[in-house]
Amino acid sequence: MEDYVALDVKTANSSRASICAIGMAQFKNGQLTNSLYSLVNPHEPFAQRNVTVHGIDATAVANAPTFTELLPLLRRWLDHQLIVSHTNFDISALRQTLEKHSQPQLTFKYLDSYVICQQLVTHSVHRLADMAAHFSITYSRQHHALTDAQTCGQLIAKLVAHHEVPTLNGLINIAGFHQLGVSSHLEQKKFEQTSVLDLVDISTEVKTADFKRFIPTALFYQQNIVLTGHLKLMTRATAFQKIRAVGGVPQNQLTATTNFLVVGHTNPLLVGQDGKTDKIRQAEEINRIFPVITIIDEADFLKAIAQ
């Protein structure tokens, strides 16, 4: 199994850029090998709601290092690593705190154990405490950055063992995702509060359009467009609005007049191991006779709409 670092942070208030504690736990072959915990002085006011949850207040961090003082250590632990966290809150907080201090973003791969559990664990809720109980993981102190990080790391190891897969890539594949999320200092836009596994998840066998072949401003003009799978970044109603706004025509079903099939996330547990929905199969069958339907993923759809 790949090595990974489990990350958990606490914040002083509703701003994700107000990190007041950080916990990190290194795992090698599914075993905890090293841990690091530090309070952080965010030089921001503490909201009582946050203090009630994690017990950290302004007095506790008065002599703690600032985020920028800790940053060299954080880079050694996190830069160019595989990071796991339970929900995207911790990755988002790290990104936003770096941005707040005008620091370049770290480069790493990441995955969200909460999203994985939602896909693979039959349970009414998927909070870290519930998943720890489900897998009989000792969870001595909830809402503490270090024990939360350690528990998240152990949860990943339990999931891998339970599903008998040799790698984390294997785990996310059976959960219905195509690849790990990737964060890079080259990304300029603000971190979006979506799933950390927000890359488009479709079979590698599905043909993806080469947008260099098209005139971007005219790509969807007077074109018939069908959606399939689960769109990660918008509702279908919003996607239909965007299609109409550029002169396209949304369709509910594939027909002889369909020009584009936009593919969102597909779950192999629901549609089959190749990750193809009935609409994808239908489009491929039509294209075997004559290639008239261009199959694109959600990311390329958004790029084309935005141009």
Protein backbone atom coordinates (compact mmCIF):
# COMPACT_ATOMS: atom_id res chain seq x y z
CA MET A 1 0.00 0.00 0.00
CA GLU A 2 1.15 3.56 -0.66
CA ASP A 3 2.56 5.64 2.21
CA TYR A 4 0.33 8.51 3.30
CA VAL A 5 -0.01 11.31 5.83
CA ALA A 6 -3.33 11.77 7.62
CA LEU A 7 -4.13 15.42 8.32
CA ASP A 8 -6.54 17.13 10.69
CA VAL A 9 -6.81 20.81 11.61
CA LYS A 10 -8.93 22.88 13.97
CA THR A 11 -9.95 26.49 13.38
CA ALA A 12 -10.54 29.40 15.73
CA ASN A 13 -13.70 30.61 14.01
CA SER A 14 -15.83 30.09 10.91
CA SER A 15 -12.95 31.08 8.62
CA ARG A 16 -11.07 28.07 7.32
CA ALA A 17 -7.98 30.28 7.26
CA SER A 18 -7.95 30.49 11.09
CA ILE A 19 -6.09 27.24 11.85
CA CYS A 20 -5.41 26.99 15.59
CA ALA A 21 -4.21 23.38 15.79
CA ILE A 22 -2.82 20.84 13.38
CA GLY A 23 -2.24 17.11 13.68
CA MET A 24 -0.41 14.87 11.21
CA ALA A 25 0.14 11.12 11.27
CA GLN A 26 2.47 9.24 8.93
CA PHE A 27 1.48 5.75 7.79
CA LYS A 28 3.67 3.21 6.03
CA ASN A 29 2.06 0.03 4.74
CA GLY A 30 -1.02 0.89 6.79
CA GLN A 31 0.91 1.23 10.07
CA LEU A 32 1.30 4.44 12.09
CA THR A 33 5.01 5.33 12.14
CA ASN A 34 5.21 8.98 13.24
CA SER A 35 2.97 11.76 14.50
CA LEU A 36 3.18 15.51 14.94
CA TYR A 37 0.87 17.89 16.80
CA SER A 38 1.05 21.64 17.37
CA LEU A 39 -1.17 24.44 18.51
CA VAL A 40 -1.11 27.42 16.15
CA ASN A 41 -1.63 31.07 17.02
CA PRO A 42 -3.90 32.39 14.26
CA HIS A 43 -3.97 35.94 15.65
CA GLU A 44 -7.73 35.87 15.11
CA PRO A 45 -10.68 35.92 17.52
CA PHE A 46 -12.02 32.60 18.77
CA ALA A 47 -15.70 31.85 18.26
CA GLN A 48 -17.35 30.18 21.25
CA ARG A 49 -18.90 27.57 18.99
CA ASN A 50 -15.45 26.41 17.88
CA VAL A 51 -14.03 26.53 21.41
CA THR A 52 -16.89 24.36 22.65
CA VAL A 53 -16.05 21.70 20.07
CA HIS A 54 -12.27 21.48 20.36
CA GLY A 55 -11.52 23.21 23.69
CA ILE A 56 -8.85 25.54 22.28
CA ASP A 57 -9.05 29.26 23.08
CA ALA A 58 -6.90 32.37 22.79
CA THR A 59 -5.14 31.62 26.08
CA ALA A 60 -4.13 28.15 24.91
CA VAL A 61 -2.40 29.47 21.76
CA ALA A 62 -0.89 32.63 23.25
CA ASN A 63 2.65 31.21 23.14
CA ALA A 64 2.11 28.85 20.18
CA PRO A 65 3.94 29.33 16.87
CA THR A 66 2.17 31.06 14.00
CA PHE A 67 1.27 29.23 10.81
CA THR A 68 4.16 30.83 8.90
CA GLU A 69 6.59 29.78 11.64
CA LEU A 70 5.35 26.20 11.31
CA LEU A 71 5.33 26.25 7.52
CA PRO A 72 8.87 24.85 6.95
CA LEU A 73 7.93 21.85 9.09
CA LEU A 74 4.59 21.46 7.34
CA ARG A 75 6.32 21.45 3.97
CA ARG A 76 8.62 18.62 5.07
CA TRP A 77 5.62 16.58 6.19
CA LEU A 78 3.12 17.37 3.45
CA ASP A 79 4.76 18.61 0.26
CA HIS A 80 4.79 15.96 -2.51
CA GLN A 81 3.01 13.46 -0.26
CA LEU A 82 -0.29 11.61 -0.39
CA ILE A 83 -2.60 13.26 2.16
CA VAL A 84 -5.79 11.76 3.57
CA SER A 85 -8.43 13.58 5.62
CA HIS A 86 -11.98 12.91 6.76
CA THR A 87 -14.06 15.43 4.75
CA ASN A 88 -12.46 18.09 2.60
CA PHE A 89 -12.41 20.63 5.44
CA ASP A 90 -8.77 20.05 6.36
CA ILE A 91 -7.40 20.28 2.80
CA SER A 92 -9.52 23.38 2.20
CA ALA A 93 -8.32 24.98 5.45
CA LEU A 94 -4.70 24.31 4.52
CA ARG A 95 -5.18 25.82 1.07
CA GLN A 96 -7.00 28.89 2.39
CA THR A 97 -4.49 29.50 5.19
CA LEU A 98 -1.61 29.37 2.72
CA GLU A 99 -3.48 31.85 0.56
CA LYS A 100 -4.17 34.10 3.55
CA HIS A 101 -0.42 34.32 4.28
CA SER A 102 0.46 34.79 0.58
CA GLN A 103 2.39 31.52 0.56
CA PRO A 104 2.68 29.26 -2.48
CA GLN A 105 0.44 26.22 -2.39
CA LEU A 106 1.89 22.82 -1.56
CA THR A 107 1.90 20.09 -4.18
CA PHE A 108 0.36 16.78 -3.16
CA LYS A 109 -2.17 14.09 -3.94
CA TYR A 110 -5.11 13.66 -1.61
CA LEU A 111 -8.23 11.66 -0.86
CA ASP A 112 -11.23 12.09 1.40
CA SER A 113 -11.98 9.12 3.66
CA TYR A 114 -15.49 10.49 4.29
CA VAL A 115 -16.34 10.26 0.59
CA ILE A 116 -14.88 6.75 0.41
CA CYS A 117 -16.96 5.66 3.41
CA GLN A 118 -20.10 7.13 1.87
CA GLN A 119 -19.58 4.86 -1.12
CA LEU A 120 -18.43 1.69 0.62
CA VAL A 121 -19.83 1.60 4.16
CA THR A 122 -23.51 0.91 4.73
CA HIS A 123 -24.26 3.24 7.62
CA SER A 124 -26.71 6.07 8.26
CA VAL A 125 -23.92 8.56 9.01
CA HIS A 126 -20.23 8.57 8.15
CA ARG A 127 -18.66 10.84 10.75
CA LEU A 128 -15.18 9.89 11.91
CA ALA A 129 -16.44 8.67 15.31
CA ASP A 130 -19.11 6.50 13.68
CA MET A 131 -16.63 4.96 11.26
CA ALA A 132 -14.13 4.34 14.06
CA ALA A 133 -16.82 2.48 16.01
CA HIS A 134 -17.88 0.58 12.90
CA PHE A 135 -14.34 -0.70 12.32
CA SER A 136 -13.51 -1.13 16.06
CA ILE A 137 -10.81 1.56 15.99
CA THR A 138 -9.82 2.91 19.41
CA TYR A 139 -10.71 6.62 19.35
CA SER A 140 -9.66 8.02 22.69
CA ARG A 141 -10.22 11.75 22.23
CA GLN A 142 -12.61 13.17 19.66
CA HIS A 143 -12.11 16.64 18.15
CA HIS A 144 -8.39 16.68 18.95
CA ALA A 145 -6.31 17.30 15.84
CA LEU A 146 -3.77 14.55 16.52
CA THR A 147 -6.15 11.75 17.52
CA ASP A 148 -8.48 12.73 14.68
CA ALA A 149 -5.59 12.47 12.21
CA GLN A 150 -4.42 9.14 13.63
CA THR A 151 -7.95 7.73 13.55
CA CYS A 152 -8.46 8.88 9.95
CA GLY A 153 -5.22 7.14 8.95
CA GLN A 154 -6.26 3.93 10.70
CA LEU A 155 -9.66 4.10 9.01
CA ILE A 156 -8.00 4.12 5.59
CA ALA A 157 -5.94 1.07 6.54
CA LYS A 158 -9.09 -0.73 7.76
CA LEU A 159 -10.92 0.03 4.51
CA VAL A 160 -8.04 -1.33 2.43
CA ALA A 161 -7.86 -4.50 4.54
CA HIS A 162 -11.64 -5.01 4.57
CA HIS A 163 -11.91 -4.79 0.79
CA GLU A 164 -8.70 -6.78 0.23
CA VAL A 165 -7.15 -4.35 -2.22
CA PRO A 166 -3.37 -3.86 -2.34
CA THR A 167 -3.33 -0.12 -3.01
CA LEU A 168 -5.23 3.08 -2.26
CA ASN A 169 -5.84 3.49 -5.97
CA GLY A 170 -7.57 0.12 -5.85
CA LEU A 171 -9.68 1.32 -2.93
CA ILE A 172 -10.88 4.47 -4.67
CA ASN A 173 -11.58 2.52 -7.84
CA ILE A 174 -13.98 0.13 -6.11
CA ALA A 175 -15.56 3.20 -4.46
CA GLY A 176 -16.36 4.47 -7.94
CA PHE A 177 -13.60 7.02 -8.44
CA HIS A 178 -11.08 7.07 -11.25
CA GLN A 179 -8.08 8.70 -9.59
CA LEU A 180 -6.78 10.58 -6.58
CA GLY A 181 -7.30 14.31 -6.26
CA VAL A 182 -4.26 16.46 -7.04
CA SER A 183 -3.30 19.79 -5.51
CA SER A 184 -0.56 21.95 -6.96
CA HIS A 185 1.03 25.33 -6.35
CA LEU A 186 0.29 26.00 -10.02
CA GLU A 187 -3.43 26.17 -9.29
CA GLN A 188 -4.36 29.82 -9.10
CA LYS A 189 -8.07 29.63 -8.39
CA LYS A 190 -9.36 29.46 -4.84
CA PHE A 191 -9.93 25.94 -3.52
CA GLU A 192 -13.55 25.02 -4.18
CA GLN A 193 -15.53 23.43 -1.37
CA THR A 194 -16.38 20.26 -3.24
CA SER A 195 -15.38 16.67 -2.86
CA VAL A 196 -11.62 16.21 -2.77
CA LEU A 197 -12.20 13.44 -5.24
CA ASP A 198 -13.65 15.95 -7.65
CA LEU A 199 -11.88 14.79 -10.79
CA VAL A 200 -14.13 13.36 -13.46
CA ASP A 201 -14.53 9.64 -12.92
CA ILE A 202 -15.18 7.80 -16.17
CA SER A 203 -13.70 4.73 -17.76
CA THR A 204 -10.37 5.31 -19.50
CA GLU A 205 -11.86 3.51 -22.49
CA VAL A 206 -14.41 6.30 -23.06
CA LYS A 207 -13.39 8.56 -25.91
CA THR A 208 -12.77 12.17 -24.81
CA ALA A 209 -13.05 15.05 -27.24
CA ASP A 210 -9.93 16.90 -28.34
CA PHE A 211 -11.10 20.48 -28.02
CA LYS A 212 -8.31 21.75 -30.28
CA ARG A 213 -10.41 20.42 -33.17
CA PHE A 214 -13.24 22.86 -32.47
CA ILE A 215 -13.88 26.57 -32.50
CA PRO A 216 -14.54 27.07 -28.76
CA THR A 217 -17.10 29.87 -29.10
CA ALA A 218 -19.19 27.78 -31.46
CA LEU A 219 -18.77 24.38 -29.83
CA PHE A 220 -22.29 23.96 -28.45
CA TYR A 221 -24.13 26.40 -30.70
CA GLN A 222 -27.18 24.63 -32.17
CA GLN A 223 -25.84 21.33 -30.83
CA ASN A 224 -27.94 18.70 -29.02
CA ILE A 225 -26.43 17.71 -25.67
CA VAL A 226 -27.26 14.82 -23.31
CA LEU A 227 -25.97 14.38 -19.74
CA THR A 228 -25.19 11.11 -17.96
CA GLY A 229 -23.74 10.21 -14.58
CA HIS A 230 -23.55 12.46 -11.52
CA LEU A 231 -22.27 15.99 -12.13
CA LYS A 232 -19.92 17.00 -9.34
CA LEU A 233 -19.88 20.78 -9.69
CA MET A 234 -23.45 21.68 -10.58
CA THR A 235 -26.98 20.35 -10.76
CA ARG A 236 -28.42 19.11 -14.03
CA ALA A 237 -30.80 22.08 -14.05
CA THR A 238 -27.81 24.44 -13.90
CA ALA A 239 -26.05 22.50 -16.66
CA PHE A 240 -29.15 22.80 -18.85
CA GLN A 241 -29.21 26.56 -18.23
CA LYS A 242 -25.56 26.85 -19.25
CA ILE A 243 -26.19 24.85 -22.40
CA ARG A 244 -29.10 27.06 -23.40
CA ALA A 245 -27.08 30.20 -22.60
CA VAL A 246 -24.57 29.34 -25.33
CA GLY A 247 -27.20 28.36 -27.88
CA GLY A 248 -27.19 24.63 -27.26
CA VAL A 249 -30.16 22.30 -26.91
CA PRO A 250 -30.29 19.98 -23.85
CA GLN A 251 -31.85 16.55 -24.40
CA ASN A 252 -33.00 14.02 -21.81
CA GLN A 253 -32.36 10.97 -24.00
CA LEU A 254 -29.95 10.03 -26.76
CA THR A 255 -31.49 10.32 -30.21
CA ALA A 256 -30.32 10.23 -33.80
CA THR A 257 -29.77 13.99 -33.53
CA THR A 258 -27.56 13.99 -30.39
CA ASN A 259 -24.19 15.67 -30.90
CA PHE A 260 -22.57 15.55 -27.43
CA LEU A 261 -22.77 13.22 -24.44
CA VAL A 262 -21.44 14.87 -21.25
CA VAL A 263 -20.28 12.26 -18.71
CA GLY A 264 -20.15 12.99 -14.99
CA HIS A 265 -19.09 10.64 -12.18
CA THR A 266 -20.15 7.03 -12.68
CA ASN A 267 -20.07 4.45 -9.90
CA PRO A 268 -18.96 0.94 -10.99
CA LEU A 269 -20.89 -0.50 -8.05
CA LEU A 270 -24.06 0.72 -9.74
CA VAL A 271 -23.34 0.58 -13.46
CA GLY A 272 -20.71 -2.17 -13.80
CA GLN A 273 -16.94 -2.43 -13.41
CA ASP A 274 -16.20 -0.50 -16.60
CA GLY A 275 -18.03 2.52 -15.16
CA LYS A 276 -20.23 2.97 -18.23
CA THR A 277 -23.86 4.01 -17.99
CA ASP A 278 -26.49 2.83 -20.45
CA LYS A 279 -26.19 6.16 -22.27
CA ILE A 280 -22.43 5.70 -22.71
CA ARG A 281 -22.95 2.21 -24.11
CA GLN A 282 -25.71 3.47 -26.39
CA ALA A 283 -23.52 6.30 -27.68
CA GLU A 284 -20.63 3.93 -28.34
CA GLU A 285 -22.95 1.59 -30.23
CA ILE A 286 -24.19 4.46 -32.38
CA ASN A 287 -20.60 5.58 -33.00
CA ARG A 288 -19.60 2.11 -34.19
CA ILE A 289 -21.96 2.58 -37.11
CA PHE A 290 -21.06 6.23 -37.71
CA PRO A 291 -19.13 8.52 -35.29
CA VAL A 292 -21.71 11.24 -34.71
CA ILE A 293 -21.72 11.62 -30.90
CA THR A 294 -18.75 13.23 -29.16
CA ILE A 295 -18.30 11.97 -25.60
CA ILE A 296 -16.73 14.49 -23.22
CA ASP A 297 -16.22 14.67 -19.47
CA GLU A 298 -17.58 17.29 -17.08
CA ALA A 299 -14.28 19.19 -16.86
CA ASP A 300 -14.08 19.72 -20.63
CA PHE A 301 -17.78 20.60 -20.70
CA LEU A 302 -17.14 23.38 -18.18
CA LYS A 303 -14.12 24.64 -20.10
CA ALA A 304 -16.11 24.85 -23.29
CA ILE A 305 -19.05 26.58 -21.62
CA ALA A 306 -16.72 29.16 -20.07
CA GLN A 307 -14.97 30.10 -23.33
